[in-house]
Every structure is written in structure tokens, then in C-alpha cells.
Amino acid sequence: MFVVKKNSEMMNKTFRLPVDLVKRLTEVARTQDVSVNNLVQQCCEYALGDMDGEAQQDARQRT
């Protein structure tokens, strides 16, 4: 289960996201009392950690 953490060191990076996704992220961040940046980081880490081994290897080969 995904659990939102509150402390994390950040680095600036710009991404373009759909408006509806930003709204959803903003609402979840507000209810969990974390920044949107922190929430996005945790979502990315969770998604990457949940990939199966073959998908991770394929993703690494494409970069």
C-alpha cells in the first residue's frame, strides 16, 4: 500500500502534466499535508519500485 512520507530532499526539475492530474495531485497533497513536489516524488518512486524486473530493464535500455 502507498503511504505518503513527509520529509525528503528535493532538486528542481520541470515537467508538463495534464491539468486534471495536477488538480488531483494538489488535492491529495493538501489532504496529506505534504507539498505537491514531495507527493510527485513519492508517486514516481512507488511506481518505479512496483515495476517488474523485465519492465525496469526495458526502461533502462531506452535511456
N, C-alpha and C. Protein backbone atom coordinates (compact mmCIF):
# COMPACT_ATOMS: atom_id res chain seq x y z
N MET A 1 0.84 -1.18 0.00
CA MET A 1 0.00 0.00 0.00
C MET A 1 0.88 1.24 0.00
N PHE A 2 0.47 2.25 -0.77
CA PHE A 2 1.22 3.51 -0.86
C PHE A 2 0.96 4.36 0.36
N VAL A 3 2.03 4.76 1.08
CA VAL A 3 1.93 5.62 2.25
C VAL A 3 2.74 6.88 1.98
N VAL A 4 2.13 8.05 2.15
CA VAL A 4 2.79 9.32 1.88
C VAL A 4 3.74 9.66 3.02
N LYS A 5 5.01 9.92 2.68
CA LYS A 5 6.01 10.35 3.66
C LYS A 5 6.04 11.87 3.69
N LYS A 6 6.62 12.46 4.74
CA LYS A 6 6.61 13.91 4.87
C LYS A 6 7.96 14.57 4.66
N ASN A 7 9.07 13.88 4.80
CA ASN A 7 10.38 14.52 4.69
C ASN A 7 11.18 13.94 3.53
N SER A 8 11.71 14.83 2.70
CA SER A 8 12.51 14.38 1.57
C SER A 8 13.29 15.55 0.99
N GLU A 9 14.54 15.32 0.62
CA GLU A 9 15.36 16.35 -0.01
C GLU A 9 14.97 16.47 -1.48
N MET A 10 14.92 17.70 -2.01
CA MET A 10 14.43 17.93 -3.37
C MET A 10 15.47 18.56 -4.28
N MET A 11 15.27 18.40 -5.60
CA MET A 11 16.06 19.03 -6.65
C MET A 11 15.07 19.55 -7.69
N ASN A 12 15.32 20.72 -8.26
CA ASN A 12 14.40 21.30 -9.25
C ASN A 12 14.45 20.57 -10.58
N LYS A 13 13.27 20.32 -11.14
CA LYS A 13 13.11 19.70 -12.46
C LYS A 13 11.73 20.11 -12.96
N THR A 14 11.61 20.41 -14.25
CA THR A 14 10.33 20.85 -14.80
C THR A 14 9.70 19.74 -15.62
N PHE A 15 8.40 19.49 -15.39
CA PHE A 15 7.62 18.51 -16.15
C PHE A 15 6.31 19.13 -16.58
N ARG A 16 5.79 18.70 -17.71
CA ARG A 16 4.46 19.11 -18.17
C ARG A 16 3.49 17.98 -17.84
N LEU A 17 2.42 18.33 -17.12
CA LEU A 17 1.43 17.35 -16.72
C LEU A 17 0.04 17.83 -17.12
N PRO A 18 -0.88 16.92 -17.39
CA PRO A 18 -2.25 17.33 -17.71
C PRO A 18 -2.89 18.07 -16.54
N VAL A 19 -3.73 19.03 -16.85
CA VAL A 19 -4.37 19.87 -15.83
C VAL A 19 -5.13 19.01 -14.82
N ASP A 20 -5.89 18.02 -15.29
CA ASP A 20 -6.67 17.19 -14.36
C ASP A 20 -5.78 16.41 -13.40
N LEU A 21 -4.62 15.97 -13.87
CA LEU A 21 -3.68 15.26 -13.00
C LEU A 21 -3.11 16.20 -11.94
N VAL A 22 -2.78 17.42 -12.33
CA VAL A 22 -2.26 18.40 -11.37
C VAL A 22 -3.30 18.70 -10.30
N LYS A 23 -4.55 18.80 -10.71
CA LYS A 23 -5.63 19.05 -9.73
C LYS A 23 -5.74 17.90 -8.74
N ARG A 24 -5.66 16.68 -9.25
CA ARG A 24 -5.74 15.51 -8.36
C ARG A 24 -4.55 15.46 -7.41
N LEU A 25 -3.36 15.70 -7.95
CA LEU A 25 -2.16 15.71 -7.11
C LEU A 25 -2.24 16.79 -6.04
N THR A 26 -2.72 17.95 -6.42
CA THR A 26 -2.84 19.07 -5.48
C THR A 26 -3.79 18.72 -4.34
N GLU A 27 -4.90 18.09 -4.66
CA GLU A 27 -5.88 17.72 -3.64
C GLU A 27 -5.31 16.66 -2.69
N VAL A 28 -4.65 15.65 -3.23
CA VAL A 28 -4.06 14.62 -2.38
C VAL A 28 -2.97 15.23 -1.50
N ALA A 29 -2.13 16.07 -2.07
CA ALA A 29 -1.07 16.72 -1.29
C ALA A 29 -1.66 17.54 -0.15
N ARG A 30 -2.74 18.26 -0.45
CA ARG A 30 -3.38 19.08 0.59
C ARG A 30 -3.92 18.20 1.71
N THR A 31 -4.61 17.13 1.36
CA THR A 31 -5.20 16.28 2.40
C THR A 31 -4.15 15.53 3.21
N GLN A 32 -2.98 15.27 2.60
CA GLN A 32 -1.90 14.56 3.30
C GLN A 32 -0.89 15.51 3.96
N ASP A 33 -1.09 16.82 3.78
CA ASP A 33 -0.23 17.85 4.37
C ASP A 33 1.23 17.70 3.92
N VAL A 34 1.42 17.51 2.61
CA VAL A 34 2.75 17.49 2.00
C VAL A 34 2.71 18.38 0.77
N SER A 35 3.88 18.75 0.26
CA SER A 35 3.92 19.55 -0.96
C SER A 35 3.59 18.67 -2.16
N VAL A 36 3.14 19.30 -3.24
CA VAL A 36 2.88 18.57 -4.48
C VAL A 36 4.18 17.95 -4.97
N ASN A 37 5.28 18.68 -4.87
CA ASN A 37 6.58 18.13 -5.29
C ASN A 37 6.92 16.85 -4.54
N ASN A 38 6.72 16.88 -3.23
CA ASN A 38 7.01 15.71 -2.42
C ASN A 38 6.11 14.54 -2.82
N LEU A 39 4.86 14.82 -3.05
CA LEU A 39 3.92 13.77 -3.46
C LEU A 39 4.31 13.16 -4.81
N VAL A 40 4.66 14.00 -5.78
CA VAL A 40 5.05 13.51 -7.10
C VAL A 40 6.29 12.64 -6.99
N GLN A 41 7.25 13.05 -6.19
CA GLN A 41 8.46 12.25 -5.99
C GLN A 41 8.10 10.88 -5.44
N GLN A 42 7.26 10.85 -4.44
CA GLN A 42 6.89 9.58 -3.82
C GLN A 42 6.09 8.70 -4.78
N CYS A 43 5.22 9.31 -5.57
CA CYS A 43 4.46 8.55 -6.57
C CYS A 43 5.39 7.92 -7.59
N CYS A 44 6.38 8.68 -8.04
CA CYS A 44 7.34 8.16 -9.02
C CYS A 44 8.16 7.02 -8.43
N GLU A 45 8.65 7.20 -7.20
CA GLU A 45 9.43 6.15 -6.55
C GLU A 45 8.60 4.89 -6.37
N TYR A 46 7.35 5.06 -5.98
CA TYR A 46 6.46 3.91 -5.78
C TYR A 46 6.23 3.19 -7.11
N ALA A 47 5.93 3.94 -8.16
CA ALA A 47 5.67 3.34 -9.48
C ALA A 47 6.90 2.61 -10.00
N LEU A 48 8.07 3.22 -9.87
CA LEU A 48 9.31 2.59 -10.34
C LEU A 48 9.63 1.33 -9.53
N GLY A 49 9.39 1.39 -8.24
CA GLY A 49 9.64 0.23 -7.38
C GLY A 49 8.66 -0.90 -7.63
N ASP A 50 7.50 -0.59 -8.19
CA ASP A 50 6.46 -1.58 -8.42
C ASP A 50 6.55 -2.22 -9.81
N MET A 51 7.47 -1.72 -10.65
CA MET A 51 7.65 -2.30 -11.99
C MET A 51 8.26 -3.69 -11.87
N ASP A 52 7.87 -4.59 -12.74
CA ASP A 52 8.51 -5.90 -12.72
C ASP A 52 9.92 -5.78 -13.31
N GLY A 53 10.75 -6.77 -13.06
CA GLY A 53 12.15 -6.71 -13.47
C GLY A 53 12.35 -6.50 -14.95
N GLU A 54 11.55 -7.14 -15.79
CA GLU A 54 11.69 -7.00 -17.23
C GLU A 54 11.35 -5.58 -17.68
N ALA A 55 10.31 -5.01 -17.11
CA ALA A 55 9.92 -3.64 -17.48
C ALA A 55 11.00 -2.65 -17.06
N GLN A 56 11.61 -2.86 -15.89
CA GLN A 56 12.69 -1.97 -15.45
C GLN A 56 13.88 -2.07 -16.39
N GLN A 57 14.22 -3.27 -16.79
CA GLN A 57 15.36 -3.46 -17.70
C GLN A 57 15.07 -2.80 -19.05
N ASP A 58 13.86 -2.95 -19.57
CA ASP A 58 13.48 -2.31 -20.83
C ASP A 58 13.57 -0.79 -20.72
N ALA A 59 13.12 -0.23 -19.59
CA ALA A 59 13.15 1.22 -19.39
C ALA A 59 14.59 1.71 -19.34
N ARG A 60 15.47 0.98 -18.69
CA ARG A 60 16.88 1.38 -18.59
C ARG A 60 17.55 1.35 -19.97
N GLN A 61 17.20 0.38 -20.78
CA GLN A 61 17.81 0.25 -22.11
C GLN A 61 17.37 1.38 -23.03
N ARG A 62 16.20 1.95 -22.81
CA ARG A 62 15.71 3.04 -23.67
C ARG A 62 16.33 4.38 -23.32
N THR A 63 16.98 4.50 -22.16
CA THR A 63 17.58 5.79 -21.77
C THR A 63 19.03 5.86 -22.13
